Amino acid sequence: MMILVRLRDGSFTKIPAPLLGQLLKTKEVTHFRRSEGWVKADSLDLRARGTALGRAHDRRSRLP
């Protein structure tokens, strides 16, 4: 699965989902797109609430 992200330099690109966590840790990604809309990376404490990708996976696993 590819995720649309905004990079630190202001450009937009799609990245493989497994790469998102690494790019968030290195602060290369400033925003990323979820189905609900854009998420500002520095406004989240992803580790405290569980990973965003983990929650998305759980949600998809409930689909028929």
C-alpha atoms as a PDB file:
ATOM      1  CA  MET A   1       0.000   0.000   0.000  1.00  0.00           C
ATOM      2  CA  MET A   2       1.319   3.431  -0.922  1.00  0.00           C
ATOM      3  CA  ILE A   3       0.794   6.481   1.302  1.00  0.00           C
ATOM      4  CA  LEU A   4       0.795  10.074   0.086  1.00  0.00           C
ATOM      5  CA  VAL A   5       3.158  12.192   2.193  1.00  0.00           C
ATOM      6  CA  ARG A   6       4.476  15.731   2.321  1.00  0.00           C
ATOM      7  CA  LEU A   7       8.212  15.841   2.825  1.00  0.00           C
ATOM      8  CA  ARG A   8      10.228  18.333   4.860  1.00  0.00           C
ATOM      9  CA  ASP A   9      11.181  20.229   1.667  1.00  0.00           C
ATOM     10  CA  GLY A  10       7.473  20.753   0.849  1.00  0.00           C
ATOM     11  CA  SER A  11       7.257  18.236  -1.975  1.00  0.00           C
ATOM     12  CA  PHE A  12       4.679  15.453  -2.144  1.00  0.00           C
ATOM     13  CA  THR A  13       5.334  11.807  -2.964  1.00  0.00           C
ATOM     14  CA  LYS A  14       3.916   8.349  -2.400  1.00  0.00           C
ATOM     15  CA  ILE A  15       5.868   5.938  -0.226  1.00  0.00           C
ATOM     16  CA  PRO A  16       5.391   2.281   0.733  1.00  0.00           C
ATOM     17  CA  ALA A  17       3.472   2.014   4.026  1.00  0.00           C
ATOM     18  CA  PRO A  18       6.269   0.146   5.851  1.00  0.00           C
ATOM     19  CA  LEU A  19       8.601   3.123   5.241  1.00  0.00           C
ATOM     20  CA  LEU A  20       6.307   5.677   6.934  1.00  0.00           C
ATOM     21  CA  GLY A  21       7.397   4.939  10.504  1.00  0.00           C
ATOM     22  CA  GLN A  22      11.072   5.353   9.663  1.00  0.00           C
ATOM     23  CA  LEU A  23      10.494   8.639   7.830  1.00  0.00           C
ATOM     24  CA  LEU A  24       8.385   9.960  10.712  1.00  0.00           C
ATOM     25  CA  LYS A  25      11.170   9.142  13.192  1.00  0.00           C
ATOM     26  CA  THR A  26      13.736  10.991  11.080  1.00  0.00           C
ATOM     27  CA  LYS A  27      11.288  13.896  10.581  1.00  0.00           C
ATOM     28  CA  GLU A  28      11.540  13.633   6.792  1.00  0.00           C
ATOM     29  CA  VAL A  29       7.723  13.496   6.585  1.00  0.00           C
ATOM     30  CA  THR A  30       5.767  16.483   7.907  1.00  0.00           C
ATOM     31  CA  HIS A  31       2.258  15.338   6.878  1.00  0.00           C
ATOM     32  CA  PHE A  32       0.679  12.139   5.653  1.00  0.00           C
ATOM     33  CA  ARG A  33      -2.694  11.301   4.167  1.00  0.00           C
ATOM     34  CA  ARG A  34      -5.216   9.051   5.904  1.00  0.00           C
ATOM     35  CA  SER A  35      -8.679   8.220   4.659  1.00  0.00           C
ATOM     36  CA  GLU A  36     -10.012  10.861   7.095  1.00  0.00           C
ATOM     37  CA  GLY A  37      -7.690  13.554   5.730  1.00  0.00           C
ATOM     38  CA  TRP A  38      -4.213  14.969   6.266  1.00  0.00           C
ATOM     39  CA  VAL A  39      -2.357  14.350   9.516  1.00  0.00           C
ATOM     40  CA  LYS A  40       0.357  16.700  10.760  1.00  0.00           C
ATOM     41  CA  ALA A  41       3.161  14.404  11.884  1.00  0.00           C
ATOM     42  CA  ASP A  42       4.483  16.565  14.712  1.00  0.00           C
ATOM     43  CA  SER A  43       1.030  16.856  16.292  1.00  0.00           C
ATOM     44  CA  LEU A  44       0.884  13.120  17.013  1.00  0.00           C
ATOM     45  CA  ASP A  45       2.451  10.974  19.650  1.00  0.00           C
ATOM     46  CA  LEU A  46       2.097   7.781  17.624  1.00  0.00           C
ATOM     47  CA  ARG A  47       3.881   5.577  20.139  1.00  0.00           C
ATOM     48  CA  ALA A  48       1.712   6.664  23.067  1.00  0.00           C
ATOM     49  CA  ARG A  49      -1.502   5.843  21.223  1.00  0.00           C
ATOM     50  CA  GLY A  50      -0.258   2.858  19.248  1.00  0.00           C
ATOM     51  CA  THR A  51       0.902   3.148  15.683  1.00  0.00           C
ATOM     52  CA  ALA A  52      -1.407   4.664  13.165  1.00  0.00           C
ATOM     53  CA  LEU A  53      -0.596   1.871  10.768  1.00  0.00           C
ATOM     54  CA  GLY A  54      -1.424  -0.751  13.384  1.00  0.00           C
ATOM     55  CA  ARG A  55      -4.850   0.744  13.929  1.00  0.00           C
ATOM     56  CA  ALA A  56      -5.461   0.931  10.178  1.00  0.00           C
ATOM     57  CA  HIS A  57      -4.527  -2.722   9.824  1.00  0.00           C
ATOM     58  CA  ASP A  58      -6.962  -3.681  12.608  1.00  0.00           C
ATOM     59  CA  ARG A  59      -9.734  -1.722  10.913  1.00  0.00           C
ATOM     60  CA  ARG A  60      -9.107  -3.416   7.565  1.00  0.00           C
ATOM     61  CA  SER A  61      -8.979  -6.860   9.129  1.00  0.00           C
ATOM     62  CA  ARG A  62     -12.638  -6.501  10.168  1.00  0.00           C
ATOM     63  CA  LEU A  63     -13.866  -6.069   6.618  1.00  0.00           C
ATOM     64  CA  PRO A  64     -15.836  -9.011   5.240  1.00  0.00           C
END
